[in-house]
mmCIF file of all heavy atoms, coordinates in Angstrom:
data_MODEL
# 
_entry.id   MODEL 
# 
loop_
_atom_site.group_PDB 
_atom_site.id 
_atom_site.type_symbol 
_atom_site.label_atom_id 
_atom_site.label_alt_id 
_atom_site.label_comp_id 
_atom_site.label_asym_id 
_atom_site.label_entity_id 
_atom_site.label_seq_id 
_atom_site.pdbx_PDB_ins_code 
_atom_site.Cartn_x 
_atom_site.Cartn_y 
_atom_site.Cartn_z 
_atom_site.occupancy 
_atom_site.B_iso_or_equiv 
_atom_site.pdbx_formal_charge 
_atom_site.auth_seq_id 
_atom_site.auth_comp_id 
_atom_site.auth_asym_id 
_atom_site.auth_atom_id 
_atom_site.pdbx_PDB_model_num 
ATOM 1   N N   . GLN A 1 1  ? 3.770  18.090  -0.538 1.00 0.00 ? 1  GLN A N   1 
ATOM 2   C CA  . GLN A 1 1  ? 3.110  17.483  0.618  1.00 0.00 ? 1  GLN A CA  1 
ATOM 3   C C   . GLN A 1 1  ? 2.134  16.393  0.161  1.00 0.00 ? 1  GLN A C   1 
ATOM 4   O O   . GLN A 1 1  ? 2.058  15.314  0.762  1.00 0.00 ? 1  GLN A O   1 
ATOM 5   C CB  . GLN A 1 1  ? 2.376  18.557  1.420  1.00 0.00 ? 1  GLN A CB  1 
ATOM 6   C CG  . GLN A 1 1  ? 3.313  19.538  2.129  1.00 0.00 ? 1  GLN A CG  1 
ATOM 7   C CD  . GLN A 1 1  ? 2.569  20.698  2.759  1.00 0.00 ? 1  GLN A CD  1 
ATOM 8   O OE1 . GLN A 1 1  ? 1.377  20.908  2.517  1.00 0.00 ? 1  GLN A OE1 1 
ATOM 9   N NE2 . GLN A 1 1  ? 3.258  21.468  3.576  1.00 0.00 ? 1  GLN A NE2 1 
ATOM 10  N N   . ALA A 1 2  ? 1.391  16.690  -0.912 1.00 0.00 ? 2  ALA A N   1 
ATOM 11  C CA  . ALA A 1 2  ? 0.450  15.700  -1.433 1.00 0.00 ? 2  ALA A CA  1 
ATOM 12  C C   . ALA A 1 2  ? 1.190  14.487  -1.992 1.00 0.00 ? 2  ALA A C   1 
ATOM 13  O O   . ALA A 1 2  ? 0.744  13.344  -1.825 1.00 0.00 ? 2  ALA A O   1 
ATOM 14  C CB  . ALA A 1 2  ? -0.426 16.334  -2.516 1.00 0.00 ? 2  ALA A CB  1 
ATOM 15  N N   . VAL A 1 3  ? 2.318  14.711  -2.650 1.00 0.00 ? 3  VAL A N   1 
ATOM 16  C CA  . VAL A 1 3  ? 3.112  13.609  -3.200 1.00 0.00 ? 3  VAL A CA  1 
ATOM 17  C C   . VAL A 1 3  ? 3.635  12.716  -2.075 1.00 0.00 ? 3  VAL A C   1 
ATOM 18  O O   . VAL A 1 3  ? 3.607  11.479  -2.171 1.00 0.00 ? 3  VAL A O   1 
ATOM 19  C CB  . VAL A 1 3  ? 4.275  14.150  -4.049 1.00 0.00 ? 3  VAL A CB  1 
ATOM 20  C CG1 . VAL A 1 3  ? 5.271  13.034  -4.381 1.00 0.00 ? 3  VAL A CG1 1 
ATOM 21  C CG2 . VAL A 1 3  ? 3.755  14.767  -5.344 1.00 0.00 ? 3  VAL A CG2 1 
ATOM 22  N N   . ASP A 1 4  ? 4.103  13.334  -0.991 1.00 0.00 ? 4  ASP A N   1 
ATOM 23  C CA  . ASP A 1 4  ? 4.596  12.554  0.143  1.00 0.00 ? 4  ASP A CA  1 
ATOM 24  C C   . ASP A 1 4  ? 3.469  11.700  0.743  1.00 0.00 ? 4  ASP A C   1 
ATOM 25  O O   . ASP A 1 4  ? 3.686  10.545  1.132  1.00 0.00 ? 4  ASP A O   1 
ATOM 26  C CB  . ASP A 1 4  ? 5.172  13.483  1.211  1.00 0.00 ? 4  ASP A CB  1 
ATOM 27  C CG  . ASP A 1 4  ? 6.440  14.182  0.744  1.00 0.00 ? 4  ASP A CG  1 
ATOM 28  O OD1 . ASP A 1 4  ? 7.077  13.674  -0.205 1.00 0.00 ? 4  ASP A OD1 1 
ATOM 29  O OD2 . ASP A 1 4  ? 6.789  15.240  1.305  1.00 0.00 ? 4  ASP A OD2 1 
ATOM 30  N N   . GLU A 1 5  ? 2.280  12.283  0.802  1.00 0.00 ? 5  GLU A N   1 
ATOM 31  C CA  . GLU A 1 5  ? 1.127  11.523  1.300  1.00 0.00 ? 5  GLU A CA  1 
ATOM 32  C C   . GLU A 1 5  ? 0.785  10.385  0.335  1.00 0.00 ? 5  GLU A C   1 
ATOM 33  O O   . GLU A 1 5  ? 0.438  9.275   0.762  1.00 0.00 ? 5  GLU A O   1 
ATOM 34  C CB  . GLU A 1 5  ? -0.071 12.457  1.453  1.00 0.00 ? 5  GLU A CB  1 
ATOM 35  C CG  . GLU A 1 5  ? -1.294 11.793  2.068  1.00 0.00 ? 5  GLU A CG  1 
ATOM 36  C CD  . GLU A 1 5  ? -2.432 12.763  2.291  1.00 0.00 ? 5  GLU A CD  1 
ATOM 37  O OE1 . GLU A 1 5  ? -2.205 13.988  2.184  1.00 0.00 ? 5  GLU A OE1 1 
ATOM 38  O OE2 . GLU A 1 5  ? -3.557 12.302  2.575  1.00 0.00 ? 5  GLU A OE2 1 
ATOM 39  N N   . TYR A 1 6  ? 0.907  10.646  -0.959 1.00 0.00 ? 6  TYR A N   1 
ATOM 40  C CA  . TYR A 1 6  ? 0.624  9.631   -1.979 1.00 0.00 ? 6  TYR A CA  1 
ATOM 41  C C   . TYR A 1 6  ? 1.590  8.454   -1.839 1.00 0.00 ? 6  TYR A C   1 
ATOM 42  O O   . TYR A 1 6  ? 1.202  7.293   -2.020 1.00 0.00 ? 6  TYR A O   1 
ATOM 43  C CB  . TYR A 1 6  ? 0.741  10.263  -3.363 1.00 0.00 ? 6  TYR A CB  1 
ATOM 44  C CG  . TYR A 1 6  ? 0.170  9.432   -4.487 1.00 0.00 ? 6  TYR A CG  1 
ATOM 45  C CD1 . TYR A 1 6  ? -1.184 9.478   -4.799 1.00 0.00 ? 6  TYR A CD1 1 
ATOM 46  C CD2 . TYR A 1 6  ? 0.980  8.590   -5.245 1.00 0.00 ? 6  TYR A CD2 1 
ATOM 47  C CE1 . TYR A 1 6  ? -1.713 8.714   -5.834 1.00 0.00 ? 6  TYR A CE1 1 
ATOM 48  C CE2 . TYR A 1 6  ? 0.455  7.820   -6.278 1.00 0.00 ? 6  TYR A CE2 1 
ATOM 49  C CZ  . TYR A 1 6  ? -0.887 7.899   -6.560 1.00 0.00 ? 6  TYR A CZ  1 
ATOM 50  O OH  . TYR A 1 6  ? -1.402 7.134   -7.581 1.00 0.00 ? 6  TYR A OH  1 
ATOM 51  N N   . LYS A 1 7  ? 2.845  8.747   -1.518 1.00 0.00 ? 7  LYS A N   1 
ATOM 52  C CA  . LYS A 1 7  ? 3.837  7.689   -1.337 1.00 0.00 ? 7  LYS A CA  1 
ATOM 53  C C   . LYS A 1 7  ? 3.438  6.758   -0.184 1.00 0.00 ? 7  LYS A C   1 
ATOM 54  O O   . LYS A 1 7  ? 3.580  5.530   -0.272 1.00 0.00 ? 7  LYS A O   1 
ATOM 55  C CB  . LYS A 1 7  ? 5.210  8.295   -1.067 1.00 0.00 ? 7  LYS A CB  1 
ATOM 56  C CG  . LYS A 1 7  ? 5.827  9.012   -2.252 1.00 0.00 ? 7  LYS A CG  1 
ATOM 57  C CD  . LYS A 1 7  ? 7.160  9.635   -1.865 1.00 0.00 ? 7  LYS A CD  1 
ATOM 58  C CE  . LYS A 1 7  ? 7.782  10.390  -3.038 1.00 0.00 ? 7  LYS A CE  1 
ATOM 59  N NZ  . LYS A 1 7  ? 9.049  11.047  -2.672 1.00 0.00 ? 7  LYS A NZ  1 
ATOM 60  N N   . LYS A 1 8  ? 2.928  7.336   0.888  1.00 0.00 ? 8  LYS A N   1 
ATOM 61  C CA  . LYS A 1 8  ? 2.487  6.528   2.020  1.00 0.00 ? 8  LYS A CA  1 
ATOM 62  C C   . LYS A 1 8  ? 1.309  5.636   1.618  1.00 0.00 ? 8  LYS A C   1 
ATOM 63  O O   . LYS A 1 8  ? 1.218  4.473   2.032  1.00 0.00 ? 8  LYS A O   1 
ATOM 64  C CB  . LYS A 1 8  ? 2.094  7.425   3.185  1.00 0.00 ? 8  LYS A CB  1 
ATOM 65  C CG  . LYS A 1 8  ? 3.256  8.219   3.781  1.00 0.00 ? 8  LYS A CG  1 
ATOM 66  C CD  . LYS A 1 8  ? 2.777  9.121   4.914  1.00 0.00 ? 8  LYS A CD  1 
ATOM 67  C CE  . LYS A 1 8  ? 3.944  9.935   5.486  1.00 0.00 ? 8  LYS A CE  1 
ATOM 68  N NZ  . LYS A 1 8  ? 3.498  10.836  6.570  1.00 0.00 ? 8  LYS A NZ  1 
ATOM 69  N N   . LEU A 1 9  ? 0.418  6.196   0.804  1.00 0.00 ? 9  LEU A N   1 
ATOM 70  C CA  . LEU A 1 9  ? -0.727 5.414   0.340  1.00 0.00 ? 9  LEU A CA  1 
ATOM 71  C C   . LEU A 1 9  ? -0.280 4.268   -0.566 1.00 0.00 ? 9  LEU A C   1 
ATOM 72  O O   . LEU A 1 9  ? -0.869 3.181   -0.539 1.00 0.00 ? 9  LEU A O   1 
ATOM 73  C CB  . LEU A 1 9  ? -1.704 6.327   -0.410 1.00 0.00 ? 9  LEU A CB  1 
ATOM 74  C CG  . LEU A 1 9  ? -2.389 7.402   0.446  1.00 0.00 ? 9  LEU A CG  1 
ATOM 75  C CD1 . LEU A 1 9  ? -3.217 8.331   -0.430 1.00 0.00 ? 9  LEU A CD1 1 
ATOM 76  C CD2 . LEU A 1 9  ? -3.270 6.763   1.514  1.00 0.00 ? 9  LEU A CD2 1 
ATOM 77  N N   . ILE A 1 10 ? 0.763  4.501   -1.354 1.00 0.00 ? 10 ILE A N   1 
ATOM 78  C CA  . ILE A 1 10 ? 1.304  3.422   -2.192 1.00 0.00 ? 10 ILE A CA  1 
ATOM 79  C C   . ILE A 1 10 ? 1.858  2.302   -1.318 1.00 0.00 ? 10 ILE A C   1 
ATOM 80  O O   . ILE A 1 10 ? 1.651  1.114   -1.588 1.00 0.00 ? 10 ILE A O   1 
ATOM 81  C CB  . ILE A 1 10 ? 2.394  3.967   -3.134 1.00 0.00 ? 10 ILE A CB  1 
ATOM 82  C CG1 . ILE A 1 10 ? 1.771  4.843   -4.220 1.00 0.00 ? 10 ILE A CG1 1 
ATOM 83  C CG2 . ILE A 1 10 ? 3.163  2.818   -3.794 1.00 0.00 ? 10 ILE A CG2 1 
ATOM 84  C CD1 . ILE A 1 10 ? 2.781  5.449   -5.169 1.00 0.00 ? 10 ILE A CD1 1 
ATOM 85  N N   . ALA A 1 11 ? 2.557  2.691   -0.256 1.00 0.00 ? 11 ALA A N   1 
ATOM 86  C CA  . ALA A 1 11 ? 3.102  1.683   0.658  1.00 0.00 ? 11 ALA A CA  1 
ATOM 87  C C   . ALA A 1 11 ? 1.971  0.868   1.288  1.00 0.00 ? 11 ALA A C   1 
ATOM 88  O O   . ALA A 1 11 ? 2.065  -0.363  1.415  1.00 0.00 ? 11 ALA A O   1 
ATOM 89  C CB  . ALA A 1 11 ? 3.945  2.356   1.737  1.00 0.00 ? 11 ALA A CB  1 
ATOM 90  N N   . GLN A 1 12 ? 0.886  1.550   1.679  1.00 0.00 ? 12 GLN A N   1 
ATOM 91  C CA  . GLN A 1 12 ? -0.256 0.842   2.247  1.00 0.00 ? 12 GLN A CA  1 
ATOM 92  C C   . GLN A 1 12 ? -0.895 -0.086  1.212  1.00 0.00 ? 12 GLN A C   1 
ATOM 93  O O   . GLN A 1 12 ? -1.300 -1.212  1.533  1.00 0.00 ? 12 GLN A O   1 
ATOM 94  C CB  . GLN A 1 12 ? -1.289 1.845   2.749  1.00 0.00 ? 12 GLN A CB  1 
ATOM 95  C CG  . GLN A 1 12 ? -0.815 2.678   3.932  1.00 0.00 ? 12 GLN A CG  1 
ATOM 96  C CD  . GLN A 1 12 ? -1.854 3.697   4.368  1.00 0.00 ? 12 GLN A CD  1 
ATOM 97  O OE1 . GLN A 1 12 ? -3.041 3.526   4.147  1.00 0.00 ? 12 GLN A OE1 1 
ATOM 98  N NE2 . GLN A 1 12 ? -1.404 4.771   4.977  1.00 0.00 ? 12 GLN A NE2 1 
ATOM 99  N N   . THR A 1 13 ? -0.972 0.393   -0.025 1.00 0.00 ? 13 THR A N   1 
ATOM 100 C CA  . THR A 1 13 ? -1.534 -0.429  -1.103 1.00 0.00 ? 13 THR A CA  1 
ATOM 101 C C   . THR A 1 13 ? -0.707 -1.697  -1.294 1.00 0.00 ? 13 THR A C   1 
ATOM 102 O O   . THR A 1 13 ? -1.254 -2.805  -1.418 1.00 0.00 ? 13 THR A O   1 
ATOM 103 C CB  . THR A 1 13 ? -1.567 0.369   -2.417 1.00 0.00 ? 13 THR A CB  1 
ATOM 104 O OG1 . THR A 1 13 ? -2.377 1.541   -2.254 1.00 0.00 ? 13 THR A OG1 1 
ATOM 105 C CG2 . THR A 1 13 ? -2.131 -0.469  -3.549 1.00 0.00 ? 13 THR A CG2 1 
ATOM 106 N N   . THR A 1 14 ? 0.599  -1.539  -1.293 1.00 0.00 ? 14 THR A N   1 
ATOM 107 C CA  . THR A 1 14 ? 1.491  -2.690  -1.458 1.00 0.00 ? 14 THR A CA  1 
ATOM 108 C C   . THR A 1 14 ? 1.312  -3.694  -0.325 1.00 0.00 ? 14 THR A C   1 
ATOM 109 O O   . THR A 1 14 ? 1.267  -4.915  -0.551 1.00 0.00 ? 14 THR A O   1 
ATOM 110 C CB  . THR A 1 14 ? 2.947  -2.224  -1.522 1.00 0.00 ? 14 THR A CB  1 
ATOM 111 O OG1 . THR A 1 14 ? 3.091  -1.248  -2.566 1.00 0.00 ? 14 THR A OG1 1 
ATOM 112 C CG2 . THR A 1 14 ? 3.880  -3.378  -1.797 1.00 0.00 ? 14 THR A CG2 1 
ATOM 113 N N   . ASP A 1 15 ? 1.198  -3.165  0.905  1.00 0.00 ? 15 ASP A N   1 
ATOM 114 C CA  . ASP A 1 15 ? 1.002  -4.057  2.058  1.00 0.00 ? 15 ASP A CA  1 
ATOM 115 C C   . ASP A 1 15 ? -0.322 -4.829  1.949  1.00 0.00 ? 15 ASP A C   1 
ATOM 116 O O   . ASP A 1 15 ? -0.377 -6.032  2.233  1.00 0.00 ? 15 ASP A O   1 
ATOM 117 C CB  . ASP A 1 15 ? 1.021  -3.241  3.353  1.00 0.00 ? 15 ASP A CB  1 
ATOM 118 C CG  . ASP A 1 15 ? 2.412  -2.698  3.673  1.00 0.00 ? 15 ASP A CG  1 
ATOM 119 O OD1 . ASP A 1 15 ? 3.385  -3.253  3.125  1.00 0.00 ? 15 ASP A OD1 1 
ATOM 120 O OD2 . ASP A 1 15 ? 2.511  -1.743  4.459  1.00 0.00 ? 15 ASP A OD2 1 
ATOM 121 N N   . MET A 1 16 ? -1.365 -4.127  1.535  1.00 0.00 ? 16 MET A N   1 
ATOM 122 C CA  . MET A 1 16 ? -2.677 -4.775  1.424  1.00 0.00 ? 16 MET A CA  1 
ATOM 123 C C   . MET A 1 16 ? -2.682 -5.854  0.353  1.00 0.00 ? 16 MET A C   1 
ATOM 124 O O   . MET A 1 16 ? -3.246 -6.940  0.543  1.00 0.00 ? 16 MET A O   1 
ATOM 125 C CB  . MET A 1 16 ? -3.754 -3.731  1.115  1.00 0.00 ? 16 MET A CB  1 
ATOM 126 C CG  . MET A 1 16 ? -4.116 -2.856  2.285  1.00 0.00 ? 16 MET A CG  1 
ATOM 127 S SD  . MET A 1 16 ? -5.476 -1.737  1.913  1.00 0.00 ? 16 MET A SD  1 
ATOM 128 C CE  . MET A 1 16 ? -5.630 -0.869  3.483  1.00 0.00 ? 16 MET A CE  1 
ATOM 129 N N   . ILE A 1 17 ? -2.039 -5.565  -0.761 1.00 0.00 ? 17 ILE A N   1 
ATOM 130 C CA  . ILE A 1 17 ? -1.966 -6.572  -1.823 1.00 0.00 ? 17 ILE A CA  1 
ATOM 131 C C   . ILE A 1 17 ? -1.159 -7.786  -1.353 1.00 0.00 ? 17 ILE A C   1 
ATOM 132 O O   . ILE A 1 17 ? -1.485 -8.934  -1.662 1.00 0.00 ? 17 ILE A O   1 
ATOM 133 C CB  . ILE A 1 17 ? -1.366 -5.957  -3.098 1.00 0.00 ? 17 ILE A CB  1 
ATOM 134 C CG1 . ILE A 1 17 ? -2.376 -4.973  -3.718 1.00 0.00 ? 17 ILE A CG1 1 
ATOM 135 C CG2 . ILE A 1 17 ? -0.982 -7.025  -4.117 1.00 0.00 ? 17 ILE A CG2 1 
ATOM 136 C CD1 . ILE A 1 17 ? -1.883 -4.251  -4.940 1.00 0.00 ? 17 ILE A CD1 1 
ATOM 137 N N   . GLY A 1 18 ? -0.113 -7.522  -0.574 1.00 0.00 ? 18 GLY A N   1 
ATOM 138 C CA  . GLY A 1 18 ? 0.654  -8.624  0.009  1.00 0.00 ? 18 GLY A CA  1 
ATOM 139 C C   . GLY A 1 18 ? -0.197 -9.468  0.953  1.00 0.00 ? 18 GLY A C   1 
ATOM 140 O O   . GLY A 1 18 ? -0.108 -10.706 0.959  1.00 0.00 ? 18 GLY A O   1 
ATOM 141 N N   . GLN A 1 19 ? -1.046 -8.801  1.752  1.00 0.00 ? 19 GLN A N   1 
ATOM 142 C CA  . GLN A 1 19 ? -1.945 -9.533  2.650  1.00 0.00 ? 19 GLN A CA  1 
ATOM 143 C C   . GLN A 1 19 ? -2.943 -10.376 1.850  1.00 0.00 ? 19 GLN A C   1 
ATOM 144 O O   . GLN A 1 19 ? -3.241 -11.518 2.219  1.00 0.00 ? 19 GLN A O   1 
ATOM 145 C CB  . GLN A 1 19 ? -2.697 -8.538  3.531  1.00 0.00 ? 19 GLN A CB  1 
ATOM 146 C CG  . GLN A 1 19 ? -1.822 -7.812  4.539  1.00 0.00 ? 19 GLN A CG  1 
ATOM 147 C CD  . GLN A 1 19 ? -2.584 -6.750  5.307  1.00 0.00 ? 19 GLN A CD  1 
ATOM 148 O OE1 . GLN A 1 19 ? -3.808 -6.735  5.321  1.00 0.00 ? 19 GLN A OE1 1 
ATOM 149 N NE2 . GLN A 1 19 ? -1.864 -5.841  5.934  1.00 0.00 ? 19 GLN A NE2 1 
ATOM 150 N N   . MET A 1 20 ? -3.448 -9.800  0.760  1.00 0.00 ? 20 MET A N   1 
ATOM 151 C CA  . MET A 1 20 ? -4.392 -10.546 -0.073 1.00 0.00 ? 20 MET A CA  1 
ATOM 152 C C   . MET A 1 20 ? -3.736 -11.789 -0.672 1.00 0.00 ? 20 MET A C   1 
ATOM 153 O O   . MET A 1 20 ? -4.368 -12.854 -0.771 1.00 0.00 ? 20 MET A O   1 
ATOM 154 C CB  . MET A 1 20 ? -4.939 -9.639  -1.180 1.00 0.00 ? 20 MET A CB  1 
ATOM 155 C CG  . MET A 1 20 ? -5.850 -8.540  -0.651 1.00 0.00 ? 20 MET A CG  1 
ATOM 156 S SD  . MET A 1 20 ? -6.375 -7.368  -1.923 1.00 0.00 ? 20 MET A SD  1 
ATOM 157 C CE  . MET A 1 20 ? -7.414 -8.420  -2.953 1.00 0.00 ? 20 MET A CE  1 
ATOM 158 N N   . ASP A 1 21 ? -2.483 -11.673 -1.055 1.00 0.00 ? 21 ASP A N   1 
ATOM 159 C CA  . ASP A 1 21 ? -1.764 -12.846 -1.577 1.00 0.00 ? 21 ASP A CA  1 
ATOM 160 C C   . ASP A 1 21 ? -1.651 -13.935 -0.504 1.00 0.00 ? 21 ASP A C   1 
ATOM 161 O O   . ASP A 1 21 ? -1.787 -15.140 -0.799 1.00 0.00 ? 21 ASP A O   1 
ATOM 162 C CB  . ASP A 1 21 ? -0.372 -12.440 -2.053 1.00 0.00 ? 21 ASP A CB  1 
ATOM 163 C CG  . ASP A 1 21 ? -0.418 -11.634 -3.348 1.00 0.00 ? 21 ASP A CG  1 
ATOM 164 O OD1 . ASP A 1 21 ? -1.430 -11.738 -4.069 1.00 0.00 ? 21 ASP A OD1 1 
ATOM 165 O OD2 . ASP A 1 21 ? 0.552  -10.899 -3.632 1.00 0.00 ? 21 ASP A OD2 1 
ATOM 166 N N   . LYS A 1 22 ? -1.424 -13.527 0.752  1.00 0.00 ? 22 LYS A N   1 
ATOM 167 C CA  . LYS A 1 22 ? -1.336 -14.498 1.841  1.00 0.00 ? 22 LYS A CA  1 
ATOM 168 C C   . LYS A 1 22 ? -2.692 -15.176 2.076  1.00 0.00 ? 22 LYS A C   1 
ATOM 169 O O   . LYS A 1 22 ? -2.759 -16.387 2.317  1.00 0.00 ? 22 LYS A O   1 
ATOM 170 C CB  . LYS A 1 22 ? -0.867 -13.812 3.114  1.00 0.00 ? 22 LYS A CB  1 
ATOM 171 C CG  . LYS A 1 22 ? 0.584  -13.346 3.069  1.00 0.00 ? 22 LYS A CG  1 
ATOM 172 C CD  . LYS A 1 22 ? 0.983  -12.672 4.377  1.00 0.00 ? 22 LYS A CD  1 
ATOM 173 C CE  . LYS A 1 22 ? 2.443  -12.202 4.315  1.00 0.00 ? 22 LYS A CE  1 
ATOM 174 N NZ  . LYS A 1 22 ? 2.846  -11.510 5.573  1.00 0.00 ? 22 LYS A NZ  1 
ATOM 175 N N   . PHE A 1 23 ? -3.752 -14.379 2.000  1.00 0.00 ? 23 PHE A N   1 
ATOM 176 C CA  . PHE A 1 23 ? -5.089 -14.964 2.162  1.00 0.00 ? 23 PHE A CA  1 
ATOM 177 C C   . PHE A 1 23 ? -5.391 -15.960 1.047  1.00 0.00 ? 23 PHE A C   1 
ATOM 178 O O   . PHE A 1 23 ? -5.973 -17.028 1.295  1.00 0.00 ? 23 PHE A O   1 
ATOM 179 C CB  . PHE A 1 23 ? -6.151 -13.863 2.180  1.00 0.00 ? 23 PHE A CB  1 
ATOM 180 C CG  . PHE A 1 23 ? -6.162 -13.045 3.450  1.00 0.00 ? 23 PHE A CG  1 
ATOM 181 C CD1 . PHE A 1 23 ? -6.170 -11.667 3.407  1.00 0.00 ? 23 PHE A CD1 1 
ATOM 182 C CD2 . PHE A 1 23 ? -6.179 -13.671 4.690  1.00 0.00 ? 23 PHE A CD2 1 
ATOM 183 C CE1 . PHE A 1 23 ? -6.184 -10.915 4.573  1.00 0.00 ? 23 PHE A CE1 1 
ATOM 184 C CE2 . PHE A 1 23 ? -6.196 -12.931 5.870  1.00 0.00 ? 23 PHE A CE2 1 
ATOM 185 C CZ  . PHE A 1 23 ? -6.195 -11.547 5.804  1.00 0.00 ? 23 PHE A CZ  1 
ATOM 186 N N   . ARG A 1 24 ? -4.983 -15.618 -0.162 1.00 0.00 ? 24 ARG A N   1 
ATOM 187 C CA  . ARG A 1 24 ? -5.210 -16.543 -1.293 1.00 0.00 ? 24 ARG A CA  1 
ATOM 188 C C   . ARG A 1 24 ? -4.422 -17.842 -1.089 1.00 0.00 ? 24 ARG A C   1 
ATOM 189 O O   . ARG A 1 24 ? -4.928 -18.937 -1.348 1.00 0.00 ? 24 ARG A O   1 
ATOM 190 C CB  . ARG A 1 24 ? -4.796 -15.879 -2.599 1.00 0.00 ? 24 ARG A CB  1 
ATOM 191 C CG  . ARG A 1 24 ? -5.705 -14.733 -3.029 1.00 0.00 ? 24 ARG A CG  1 
ATOM 192 C CD  . ARG A 1 24 ? -5.390 -14.284 -4.446 1.00 0.00 ? 24 ARG A CD  1 
ATOM 193 N NE  . ARG A 1 24 ? -6.178 -13.135 -4.835 1.00 0.00 ? 24 ARG A NE  1 
ATOM 194 C CZ  . ARG A 1 24 ? -5.746 -11.874 -4.827 1.00 0.00 ? 24 ARG A CZ  1 
ATOM 195 N NH1 . ARG A 1 24 ? -4.498 -11.612 -4.463 1.00 0.00 ? 24 ARG A NH1 1 
ATOM 196 N NH2 . ARG A 1 24 ? -6.535 -10.887 -5.195 1.00 0.00 ? 24 ARG A NH2 1 
# 
C-alpha cells in the first residue's frame, strides 16, 4: 500500500518538475 502511494508521489514529482521546466 505504501509503495502504491509512493508511485503516485513520483508521478506528482514528475509533473511538478515538468511545470518548472515550462516556467523556466
